[in-house]
């Protein structure tokens, strides 16, 4: 039996009992895609709260007022941290997921 591993879009096929230490940075194919799918689902789930924050600007609010709204800033930081998951040093094997802000505005 064999397994497929990938790194930066390059794939290798190795025996099940192969020592992956010989191929640093390679991960089992599909793991990175699973993490990206989870990240995308979390971003999608946060869209409604983010829309409430951005509506402040479209409803005549000032950028200064939006910038000083700590709740909206927490959502901005959370969403950016989700987008940055793929840049984490342990990606995709070890992910530190950001903490979702509270729902109350």
PDB file of N, CA and C in Angstrom:
ATOM      1  N   UNK A   1       0.846  -1.185   0.000  1.00  0.00           N
ATOM      2  CA  UNK A   1       0.000   0.000   0.000  1.00  0.00           C
ATOM      3  C   UNK A   1       0.892   1.249   0.000  1.00  0.00           C
ATOM      4  N   UNK A   2       0.336   2.319  -0.511  1.00  0.00           N
ATOM      5  CA  UNK A   2       1.074   3.580  -0.572  1.00  0.00           C
ATOM      6  C   UNK A   2       0.204   4.724  -0.074  1.00  0.00           C
ATOM      7  N   UNK A   3       0.859   5.833   0.234  1.00  0.00           N
ATOM      8  CA  UNK A   3       0.187   7.058   0.604  1.00  0.00           C
ATOM      9  C   UNK A   3       0.732   8.174  -0.268  1.00  0.00           C
ATOM     10  N   UNK A   4      -0.093   9.185  -0.466  1.00  0.00           N
ATOM     11  CA  UNK A   4       0.333  10.341  -1.241  1.00  0.00           C
ATOM     12  C   UNK A   4       0.521  11.509  -0.287  1.00  0.00           C
ATOM     13  N   UNK A   5       1.674  12.183  -0.423  1.00  0.00           N
ATOM     14  CA  UNK A   5       1.974  13.350   0.392  1.00  0.00           C
ATOM     15  C   UNK A   5       2.262  14.521  -0.528  1.00  0.00           C
ATOM     16  N   UNK A   6       2.061  15.730  -0.015  1.00  0.00           N
ATOM     17  CA  UNK A   6       2.259  16.916  -0.840  1.00  0.00           C
ATOM     18  C   UNK A   6       3.009  17.998  -0.086  1.00  0.00           C
ATOM     19  N   UNK A   7       3.648  18.853  -0.848  1.00  0.00           N
ATOM     20  CA  UNK A   7       4.326  20.034  -0.322  1.00  0.00           C
ATOM     21  C   UNK A   7       4.404  21.036  -1.458  1.00  0.00           C
ATOM     22  N   UNK A   8       3.829  22.217  -1.226  1.00  0.00           N
ATOM     23  CA  UNK A   8       3.861  23.294  -2.231  1.00  0.00           C
ATOM     24  C   UNK A   8       3.393  22.820  -3.602  1.00  0.00           C
ATOM     25  N   UNK A   9       2.350  21.990  -3.598  1.00  0.00           N
ATOM     26  CA  UNK A   9       1.788  21.525  -4.859  1.00  0.00           C
ATOM     27  C   UNK A   9       2.515  20.340  -5.474  1.00  0.00           C
ATOM     28  N   UNK A  10       3.621  19.914  -4.885  1.00  0.00           N
ATOM     29  CA  UNK A  10       4.360  18.748  -5.397  1.00  0.00           C
ATOM     30  C   UNK A  10       3.922  17.522  -4.625  1.00  0.00           C
ATOM     31  N   UNK A  11       3.741  16.421  -5.320  1.00  0.00           N
ATOM     32  CA  UNK A  11       3.241  15.196  -4.704  1.00  0.00           C
ATOM     33  C   UNK A  11       4.299  14.107  -4.768  1.00  0.00           C
ATOM     34  N   UNK A  12       4.320  13.279  -3.714  1.00  0.00           N
ATOM     35  CA  UNK A  12       5.157  12.086  -3.714  1.00  0.00           C
ATOM     36  C   UNK A  12       4.292  10.915  -3.284  1.00  0.00           C
ATOM     37  N   UNK A  13       4.639   9.749  -3.752  1.00  0.00           N
ATOM     38  CA  UNK A  13       3.960   8.523  -3.360  1.00  0.00           C
ATOM     39  C   UNK A  13       4.977   7.696  -2.588  1.00  0.00           C
ATOM     40  N   UNK A  14       4.611   7.300  -1.375  1.00  0.00           N
ATOM     41  CA  UNK A  14       5.528   6.532  -0.530  1.00  0.00           C
ATOM     42  C   UNK A  14       4.815   5.304   0.019  1.00  0.00           C
ATOM     43  N   UNK A  15       5.605   4.335   0.431  1.00  0.00           N
ATOM     44  CA  UNK A  15       5.049   3.147   1.069  1.00  0.00           C
ATOM     45  C   UNK A  15       4.473   3.538   2.423  1.00  0.00           C
ATOM     46  N   UNK A  16       3.464   2.802   2.871  1.00  0.00           N
ATOM     47  CA  UNK A  16       2.824   3.091   4.156  1.00  0.00           C
ATOM     48  C   UNK A  16       3.825   3.157   5.304  1.00  0.00           C
ATOM     49  N   UNK A  17       4.864   2.341   5.238  1.00  0.00           N
ATOM     50  CA  UNK A  17       5.822   2.281   6.343  1.00  0.00           C
ATOM     51  C   UNK A  17       7.044   3.174   6.120  1.00  0.00           C
ATOM     52  N   UNK A  18       6.986   4.062   5.151  1.00  0.00           N
ATOM     53  CA  UNK A  18       8.127   4.941   4.867  1.00  0.00           C
ATOM     54  C   UNK A  18       8.344   5.925   6.006  1.00  0.00           C
ATOM     55  N   UNK A  19       9.580   6.310   6.191  1.00  0.00           N
ATOM     56  CA  UNK A  19       9.935   7.295   7.206  1.00  0.00           C
ATOM     57  C   UNK A  19       9.816   8.684   6.590  1.00  0.00           C
ATOM     58  N   UNK A  20       8.776   9.426   6.973  1.00  0.00           N
ATOM     59  CA  UNK A  20       8.545  10.739   6.368  1.00  0.00           C
ATOM     60  C   UNK A  20       9.572  11.778   6.805  1.00  0.00           C
ATOM     61  N   UNK A  21      10.413  11.447   7.757  1.00  0.00           N
ATOM     62  CA  UNK A  21      11.487  12.372   8.142  1.00  0.00           C
ATOM     63  C   UNK A  21      12.423  12.617   6.963  1.00  0.00           C
ATOM     64  N   UNK A  22      12.416  11.717   6.000  1.00  0.00           N
ATOM     65  CA  UNK A  22      13.243  11.889   4.799  1.00  0.00           C
ATOM     66  C   UNK A  22      12.686  12.947   3.858  1.00  0.00           C
ATOM     67  N   UNK A  23      11.439  13.355   4.085  1.00  0.00           N
ATOM     68  CA  UNK A  23      10.788  14.356   3.246  1.00  0.00           C
ATOM     69  C   UNK A  23      10.192  15.449   4.129  1.00  0.00           C
ATOM     70  N   UNK A  24      11.038  16.297   4.717  1.00  0.00           N
ATOM     71  CA  UNK A  24      10.510  17.317   5.642  1.00  0.00           C
ATOM     72  C   UNK A  24       9.544  18.276   4.958  1.00  0.00           C
ATOM     73  N   UNK A  25       8.496  18.605   5.672  1.00  0.00           N
ATOM     74  CA  UNK A  25       7.519  19.563   5.158  1.00  0.00           C
ATOM     75  C   UNK A  25       6.386  18.941   4.374  1.00  0.00           C
ATOM     76  N   UNK A  26       6.509  17.674   4.009  1.00  0.00           N
ATOM     77  CA  UNK A  26       5.426  17.018   3.283  1.00  0.00           C
ATOM     78  C   UNK A  26       4.341  16.580   4.258  1.00  0.00           C
ATOM     79  N   UNK A  27       3.100  16.711   3.852  1.00  0.00           N
ATOM     80  CA  UNK A  27       1.963  16.281   4.667  1.00  0.00           C
ATOM     81  C   UNK A  27       1.051  15.412   3.824  1.00  0.00           C
ATOM     82  N   UNK A  28       0.247  14.617   4.502  1.00  0.00           N
ATOM     83  CA  UNK A  28      -0.654  13.742   3.773  1.00  0.00           C
ATOM     84  C   UNK A  28      -1.588  14.574   2.904  1.00  0.00           C
ATOM     85  N   UNK A  29      -1.711  14.196   1.653  1.00  0.00           N
ATOM     86  CA  UNK A  29      -2.520  14.950   0.698  1.00  0.00           C
ATOM     87  C   UNK A  29      -3.945  15.097   1.216  1.00  0.00           C
ATOM     88  N   UNK A  30      -4.479  16.274   1.079  1.00  0.00           N
ATOM     89  CA  UNK A  30      -5.846  16.542   1.491  1.00  0.00           C
ATOM     90  C   UNK A  30      -5.953  17.226   2.840  1.00  0.00           C
ATOM     91  N   UNK A  31      -4.933  17.102   3.690  1.00  0.00           N
ATOM     92  CA  UNK A  31      -5.005  17.717   5.019  1.00  0.00           C
ATOM     93  C   UNK A  31      -5.096  19.235   4.915  1.00  0.00           C
ATOM     94  N   UNK A  32      -4.276  19.843   4.086  1.00  0.00           N
ATOM     95  CA  UNK A  32      -4.309  21.300   3.919  1.00  0.00           C
ATOM     96  C   UNK A  32      -5.670  21.745   3.393  1.00  0.00           C
ATOM     97  N   UNK A  33      -6.233  20.975   2.477  1.00  0.00           N
ATOM     98  CA  UNK A  33      -7.542  21.327   1.915  1.00  0.00           C
ATOM     99  C   UNK A  33      -8.639  21.227   2.974  1.00  0.00           C
ATOM    100  N   UNK A  34      -8.529  20.232   3.873  1.00  0.00           N
ATOM    101  CA  UNK A  34      -9.508  20.097   4.951  1.00  0.00           C
ATOM    102  C   UNK A  34      -9.461  21.318   5.873  1.00  0.00           C
ATOM    103  N   UNK A  35      -8.257  21.771   6.186  1.00  0.00           N
ATOM    104  CA  UNK A  35      -8.111  22.939   7.065  1.00  0.00           C
ATOM    105  C   UNK A  35      -8.678  24.178   6.375  1.00  0.00           C
ATOM    106  N   UNK A  36      -8.380  24.353   5.089  1.00  0.00           N
ATOM    107  CA  UNK A  36      -8.912  25.507   4.358  1.00  0.00           C
ATOM    108  C   UNK A  36     -10.439  25.469   4.312  1.00  0.00           C
ATOM    109  N   UNK A  37     -11.017  24.292   4.155  1.00  0.00           N
ATOM    110  CA  UNK A  37     -12.474  24.157   4.127  1.00  0.00           C
ATOM    111  C   UNK A  37     -13.071  24.562   5.472  1.00  0.00           C
ATOM    112  N   UNK A  38     -12.448  24.130   6.557  1.00  0.00           N
ATOM    113  CA  UNK A  38     -12.922  24.518   7.898  1.00  0.00           C
ATOM    114  C   UNK A  38     -12.802  26.026   8.088  1.00  0.00           C
ATOM    115  N   UNK A  39     -11.676  26.588   7.660  1.00  0.00           N
ATOM    116  CA  UNK A  39     -11.462  28.035   7.766  1.00  0.00           C
ATOM    117  C   UNK A  39     -12.521  28.800   6.977  1.00  0.00           C
ATOM    118  N   UNK A  40     -12.794  28.343   5.767  1.00  0.00           N
ATOM    119  CA  UNK A  40     -13.804  29.004   4.934  1.00  0.00           C
ATOM    120  C   UNK A  40     -15.190  28.943   5.569  1.00  0.00           C
ATOM    121  N   UNK A  41     -15.502  27.815   6.213  1.00  0.00           N
ATOM    122  CA  UNK A  41     -16.800  27.680   6.889  1.00  0.00           C
ATOM    123  C   UNK A  41     -16.899  28.657   8.064  1.00  0.00           C
ATOM    124  N   UNK A  42     -15.812  28.832   8.797  1.00  0.00           N
ATOM    125  CA  UNK A  42     -15.813  29.781   9.918  1.00  0.00           C
ATOM    126  C   UNK A  42     -15.944  31.218   9.414  1.00  0.00           C
ATOM    127  N   UNK A  43     -15.294  31.532   8.308  1.00  0.00           N
ATOM    128  CA  UNK A  43     -15.450  32.875   7.726  1.00  0.00           C
ATOM    129  C   UNK A  43     -16.898  33.108   7.290  1.00  0.00           C
ATOM    130  N   UNK A  44     -17.471  32.122   6.640  1.00  0.00           N
ATOM    131  CA  UNK A  44     -18.860  32.241   6.193  1.00  0.00           C
ATOM    132  C   UNK A  44     -19.798  32.416   7.383  1.00  0.00           C
ATOM    133  N   UNK A  45     -19.553  31.671   8.456  1.00  0.00           N
ATOM    134  CA  UNK A  45     -20.401  31.778   9.647  1.00  0.00           C
ATOM    135  C   UNK A  45     -20.273  33.148  10.316  1.00  0.00           C
ATOM    136  N   UNK A  46     -19.169  33.833  10.078  1.00  0.00           N
ATOM    137  CA  UNK A  46     -18.966  35.141  10.700  1.00  0.00           C
ATOM    138  C   UNK A  46     -19.476  36.293   9.832  1.00  0.00           C
ATOM    139  N   UNK A  47     -19.923  35.998   8.626  1.00  0.00           N
ATOM    140  CA  UNK A  47     -20.358  37.052   7.702  1.00  0.00           C
ATOM    141  C   UNK A  47     -21.479  37.930   8.262  1.00  0.00           C
ATOM    142  N   UNK A  48     -22.452  37.338   8.943  1.00  0.00           N
ATOM    143  CA  UNK A  48     -23.583  38.128   9.451  1.00  0.00           C
ATOM    144  C   UNK A  48     -23.117  39.164  10.471  1.00  0.00           C
ATOM    145  N   UNK A  49     -22.235  38.758  11.363  1.00  0.00           N
ATOM    146  CA  UNK A  49     -21.729  39.710  12.353  1.00  0.00           C
ATOM    147  C   UNK A  49     -20.858  40.774  11.687  1.00  0.00           C
ATOM    148  N   UNK A  50     -20.073  40.363  10.726  1.00  0.00           N
ATOM    149  CA  UNK A  50     -19.225  41.318  10.011  1.00  0.00           C
ATOM    150  C   UNK A  50     -20.086  42.314   9.233  1.00  0.00           C
ATOM    151  N   UNK A  51     -21.192  41.842   8.686  1.00  0.00           N
ATOM    152  CA  UNK A  51     -22.094  42.730   7.947  1.00  0.00           C
ATOM    153  C   UNK A  51     -22.675  43.804   8.871  1.00  0.00           C
ATOM    154  N   UNK A  52     -22.974  43.449  10.113  1.00  0.00           N
ATOM    155  CA  UNK A  52     -23.465  44.440  11.075  1.00  0.00           C
ATOM    156  C   UNK A  52     -22.411  45.523  11.300  1.00  0.00           C
ATOM    157  N   UNK A  53     -21.160  45.107  11.362  1.00  0.00           N
ATOM    158  CA  UNK A  53     -20.081  46.076  11.584  1.00  0.00           C
ATOM    159  C   UNK A  53     -19.887  46.985  10.371  1.00  0.00           C
ATOM    160  N   UNK A  54     -19.878  46.402   9.196  1.00  0.00           N
ATOM    161  CA  UNK A  54     -19.645  47.228   8.007  1.00  0.00           C
ATOM    162  C   UNK A  54     -20.838  48.110   7.684  1.00  0.00           C
ATOM    163  N   UNK A  55     -22.025  47.703   8.130  1.00  0.00           N
ATOM    164  CA  UNK A  55     -23.203  48.538   7.861  1.00  0.00           C
ATOM    165  C   UNK A  55     -23.115  49.874   8.595  1.00  0.00           C
ATOM    166  N   UNK A  56     -22.315  49.912   9.663  1.00  0.00           N
ATOM    167  CA  UNK A  56     -22.121  51.177  10.381  1.00  0.00           C
ATOM    168  C   UNK A  56     -21.574  52.245   9.434  1.00  0.00           C
ATOM    169  N   UNK A  57     -20.692  51.834   8.560  1.00  0.00           N
ATOM    170  CA  UNK A  57     -20.084  52.783   7.616  1.00  0.00           C
ATOM    171  C   UNK A  57     -21.080  53.205   6.542  1.00  0.00           C
ATOM    172  N   UNK A  58     -21.868  52.246   6.061  1.00  0.00           N
ATOM    173  CA  UNK A  58     -22.805  52.539   4.973  1.00  0.00           C
ATOM    174  C   UNK A  58     -24.036  53.295   5.457  1.00  0.00           C
ATOM    175  N   UNK A  59     -24.302  53.238   6.754  1.00  0.00           N
ATOM    176  CA  UNK A  59     -25.469  53.933   7.309  1.00  0.00           C
ATOM    177  C   UNK A  59     -25.124  55.330   7.817  1.00  0.00           C
ATOM    178  N   UNK A  60     -24.101  55.908   7.268  1.00  0.00           N
ATOM    179  CA  UNK A  60     -23.745  57.282   7.617  1.00  0.00           C
ATOM    180  C   UNK A  60     -22.769  57.417   8.765  1.00  0.00           C
ATOM    181  N   UNK A  61     -22.292  56.287   9.288  1.00  0.00           N
ATOM    182  CA  UNK A  61     -21.322  56.351  10.375  1.00  0.00           C
ATOM    183  C   UNK A  61     -19.951  56.759   9.864  1.00  0.00           C
ATOM    184  N   UNK A  62     -19.161  57.272  10.746  1.00  0.00           N
ATOM    185  CA  UNK A  62     -17.814  57.689  10.345  1.00  0.00           C
ATOM    186  C   UNK A  62     -16.833  56.537  10.532  1.00  0.00           C
ATOM    187  N   UNK A  63     -15.741  56.622   9.806  1.00  0.00           N
ATOM    188  CA  UNK A  63     -14.698  55.623   9.939  1.00  0.00           C
ATOM    189  C   UNK A  63     -14.128  55.656  11.358  1.00  0.00           C
ATOM    190  N   UNK A  64     -13.994  56.845  11.921  1.00  0.00           N
ATOM    191  CA  UNK A  64     -13.460  56.984  13.284  1.00  0.00           C
ATOM    192  C   UNK A  64     -14.355  56.255  14.286  1.00  0.00           C
ATOM    193  N   UNK A  65     -15.675  56.386  14.124  1.00  0.00           N
ATOM    194  CA  UNK A  65     -16.607  55.707  15.028  1.00  0.00           C
ATOM    195  C   UNK A  65     -16.496  54.192  14.865  1.00  0.00           C
ATOM    196  N   UNK A  66     -16.374  53.752  13.619  1.00  0.00           N
ATOM    197  CA  UNK A  66     -16.230  52.321  13.361  1.00  0.00           C
ATOM    198  C   UNK A  66     -14.925  51.806  13.956  1.00  0.00           C
ATOM    199  N   UNK A  67     -13.860  52.553  13.766  1.00  0.00           N
ATOM    200  CA  UNK A  67     -12.543  52.148  14.248  1.00  0.00           C
ATOM    201  C   UNK A  67     -12.508  52.082  15.775  1.00  0.00           C
ATOM    202  N   UNK A  68     -13.288  52.907  16.438  1.00  0.00           N
ATOM    203  CA  UNK A  68     -13.292  52.913  17.903  1.00  0.00           C
ATOM    204  C   UNK A  68     -14.259  51.879  18.484  1.00  0.00           C
ATOM    205  N   UNK A  69     -15.044  51.222  17.647  1.00  0.00           N
ATOM    206  CA  UNK A  69     -15.976  50.199  18.112  1.00  0.00           C
ATOM    207  C   UNK A  69     -15.180  48.912  18.385  1.00  0.00           C
ATOM    208  N   UNK A  70     -14.938  48.616  19.647  1.00  0.00           N
ATOM    209  CA  UNK A  70     -14.086  47.474  19.992  1.00  0.00           C
ATOM    210  C   UNK A  70     -14.680  46.140  19.547  1.00  0.00           C
ATOM    211  N   UNK A  71     -15.998  46.059  19.521  1.00  0.00           N
ATOM    212  CA  UNK A  71     -16.630  44.815  19.072  1.00  0.00           C
ATOM    213  C   UNK A  71     -16.326  44.569  17.595  1.00  0.00           C
ATOM    214  N   UNK A  72     -16.476  45.598  16.781  1.00  0.00           N
ATOM    215  CA  UNK A  72     -16.196  45.444  15.346  1.00  0.00           C
ATOM    216  C   UNK A  72     -14.717  45.174  15.105  1.00  0.00           C
ATOM    217  N   UNK A  73     -13.866  45.796  15.895  1.00  0.00           N
ATOM    218  CA  UNK A  73     -12.439  45.538  15.743  1.00  0.00           C
ATOM    219  C   UNK A  73     -12.102  44.089  16.105  1.00  0.00           C
ATOM    220  N   UNK A  74     -12.784  43.549  17.107  1.00  0.00           N
ATOM    221  CA  UNK A  74     -12.565  42.147  17.479  1.00  0.00           C
ATOM    222  C   UNK A  74     -12.948  41.219  16.334  1.00  0.00           C
ATOM    223  N   UNK A  75     -14.050  41.547  15.639  1.00  0.00           N
ATOM    224  CA  UNK A  75     -14.459  40.737  14.484  1.00  0.00           C
ATOM    225  C   UNK A  75     -13.470  40.888  13.336  1.00  0.00           C
ATOM    226  N   UNK A  76     -12.946  42.085  13.129  1.00  0.00           N
ATOM    227  CA  UNK A  76     -11.958  42.293  12.069  1.00  0.00           C
ATOM    228  C   UNK A  76     -10.699  41.479  12.355  1.00  0.00           C
ATOM    229  N   UNK A  77     -10.252  41.489  13.597  1.00  0.00           N
ATOM    230  CA  UNK A  77      -9.054  40.736  13.980  1.00  0.00           C
ATOM    231  C   UNK A  77      -9.294  39.229  13.840  1.00  0.00           C
ATOM    232  N   UNK A  78     -10.463  38.774  14.262  1.00  0.00           N
ATOM    233  CA  UNK A  78     -10.823  37.361  14.155  1.00  0.00           C
ATOM    234  C   UNK A  78     -10.814  36.902  12.701  1.00  0.00           C
ATOM    235  N   UNK A  79     -11.455  37.666  11.839  1.00  0.00           N
ATOM    236  CA  UNK A  79     -11.534  37.285  10.424  1.00  0.00           C
ATOM    237  C   UNK A  79     -10.147  37.295   9.769  1.00  0.00           C
ATOM    238  N   UNK A  80      -9.310  38.255  10.138  1.00  0.00           N
ATOM    239  CA  UNK A  80      -7.953  38.272   9.581  1.00  0.00           C
ATOM    240  C   UNK A  80      -7.158  37.071  10.088  1.00  0.00           C
ATOM    241  N   UNK A  81      -7.331  36.729  11.353  1.00  0.00           N
ATOM    242  CA  UNK A  81      -6.630  35.565  11.905  1.00  0.00           C
ATOM    243  C   UNK A  81      -7.064  34.279  11.203  1.00  0.00           C
ATOM    244  N   UNK A  82      -8.339  34.187  10.842  1.00  0.00           N
ATOM    245  CA  UNK A  82      -8.795  33.023  10.072  1.00  0.00           C
ATOM    246  C   UNK A  82      -8.110  32.972   8.713  1.00  0.00           C
ATOM    247  N   UNK A  83      -8.014  34.122   8.052  1.00  0.00           N
ATOM    248  CA  UNK A  83      -7.356  34.149   6.737  1.00  0.00           C
ATOM    249  C   UNK A  83      -5.865  33.813   6.852  1.00  0.00           C
ATOM    250  N   UNK A  84      -5.265  34.100   8.016  1.00  0.00           N
ATOM    251  CA  UNK A  84      -3.837  33.854   8.218  1.00  0.00           C
ATOM    252  C   UNK A  84      -3.509  32.441   8.689  1.00  0.00           C
ATOM    253  N   UNK A  85      -4.518  31.606   8.894  1.00  0.00           N
ATOM    254  CA  UNK A  85      -4.294  30.242   9.378  1.00  0.00           C
ATOM    255  C   UNK A  85      -3.292  29.498   8.492  1.00  0.00           C
ATOM    256  N   UNK A  86      -3.376  29.682   7.199  1.00  0.00           N
ATOM    257  CA  UNK A  86      -2.490  28.949   6.290  1.00  0.00           C
ATOM    258  C   UNK A  86      -1.044  29.433   6.366  1.00  0.00           C
ATOM    259  N   UNK A  87      -0.792  30.540   7.051  1.00  0.00           N
ATOM    260  CA  UNK A  87       0.567  31.053   7.211  1.00  0.00           C
ATOM    261  C   UNK A  87       1.207  30.620   8.525  1.00  0.00           C
ATOM    262  N   UNK A  88       0.459  29.913   9.352  1.00  0.00           N
ATOM    263  CA  UNK A  88       1.004  29.477  10.635  1.00  0.00           C
ATOM    264  C   UNK A  88       2.133  28.471  10.416  1.00  0.00           C
ATOM    265  N   UNK A  89       3.110  28.490  11.291  1.00  0.00           N
ATOM    266  CA  UNK A  89       4.288  27.631  11.160  1.00  0.00           C
ATOM    267  C   UNK A  89       3.924  26.147  11.115  1.00  0.00           C
ATOM    268  N   UNK A  90       2.920  25.717  11.841  1.00  0.00           N
ATOM    269  CA  UNK A  90       2.569  24.302  11.877  1.00  0.00           C
ATOM    270  C   UNK A  90       1.556  23.859  10.848  1.00  0.00           C
ATOM    271  N   UNK A  91       1.153  24.772   9.961  1.00  0.00           N
ATOM    272  CA  UNK A  91       0.120  24.452   8.972  1.00  0.00           C
ATOM    273  C   UNK A  91       0.595  23.317   8.070  1.00  0.00           C
ATOM    274  N   UNK A  92      -0.238  22.337   7.779  1.00  0.00           N
ATOM    275  CA  UNK A  92      -1.622  22.151   8.203  1.00  0.00           C
ATOM    276  C   UNK A  92      -1.796  21.197   9.386  1.00  0.00           C
ATOM    277  N   UNK A  93      -0.668  20.639   9.891  1.00  0.00           N
ATOM    278  CA  UNK A  93      -0.806  19.640  10.965  1.00  0.00           C
ATOM    279  C   UNK A  93      -1.241  20.258  12.286  1.00  0.00           C
ATOM    280  N   UNK A  94      -0.697  21.424  12.621  1.00  0.00           N
ATOM    281  CA  UNK A  94      -0.980  22.048  13.904  1.00  0.00           C
ATOM    282  C   UNK A  94      -1.540  23.439  13.645  1.00  0.00           C
ATOM    283  N   UNK A  95      -2.784  23.641  14.023  1.00  0.00           N
ATOM    284  CA  UNK A  95      -3.450  24.922  13.799  1.00  0.00           C
ATOM    285  C   UNK A  95      -3.887  25.497  15.141  1.00  0.00           C
ATOM    286  N   UNK A  96      -3.612  26.771  15.340  1.00  0.00           N
ATOM    287  CA  UNK A  96      -4.136  27.490  16.497  1.00  0.00           C
ATOM    288  C   UNK A  96      -5.291  28.339  15.968  1.00  0.00           C
ATOM    289  N   UNK A  97      -6.502  27.870  16.226  1.00  0.00           N
ATOM    290  CA  UNK A  97      -7.681  28.575  15.724  1.00  0.00           C
ATOM    291  C   UNK A  97      -7.944  29.806  16.590  1.00  0.00           C
ATOM    292  N   UNK A  98      -8.281  30.940  15.963  1.00  0.00           N
ATOM    293  CA  UNK A  98      -8.601  32.144  16.754  1.00  0.00           C
ATOM    294  C   UNK A  98      -9.910  31.961  17.500  1.00  0.00           C
ATOM    295  N   UNK A  99     -10.043  32.710  18.578  1.00  0.00           N
ATOM    296  CA  UNK A  99     -11.270  32.677  19.383  1.00  0.00           C
ATOM    297  C   UNK A  99     -12.310  33.617  18.795  1.00  0.00           C
ATOM    298  N   UNK A 100     -13.500  33.081  18.600  1.00  0.00           N
ATOM    299  CA  UNK A 100     -14.602  33.867  18.028  1.00  0.00           C
ATOM    300  C   UNK A 100     -15.062  34.929  19.027  1.00  0.00           C
ATOM    301  N   UNK A 101     -15.231  36.172  18.573  1.00  0.00           N
ATOM    302  CA  UNK A 101     -15.743  37.221  19.473  1.00  0.00           C
ATOM    303  C   UNK A 101     -17.193  36.960  19.878  1.00  0.00           C
ATOM    304  N   UNK A 102     -17.639  37.696  20.870  1.00  0.00           N
ATOM    305  CA  UNK A 102     -19.034  37.589  21.306  1.00  0.00           C
ATOM    306  C   UNK A 102     -20.001  38.062  20.237  1.00  0.00           C
ATOM    307  N   UNK A 103     -21.240  37.641  20.362  1.00  0.00           N
ATOM    308  CA  UNK A 103     -22.271  37.964  19.375  1.00  0.00           C
ATOM    309  C   UNK A 103     -22.965  39.298  19.637  1.00  0.00           C
ATOM    310  N   UNK A 104     -22.908  39.787  20.872  1.00  0.00           N
ATOM    311  CA  UNK A 104     -23.676  40.977  21.236  1.00  0.00           C
ATOM    312  C   UNK A 104     -23.022  42.265  20.741  1.00  0.00           C
ATOM    313  N   UNK A 105     -23.843  43.136  20.211  1.00  0.00           N
ATOM    314  CA  UNK A 105     -23.350  44.436  19.726  1.00  0.00           C
ATOM    315  C   UNK A 105     -23.781  45.511  20.687  1.00  0.00           C
TER     316      UNK A 105
END
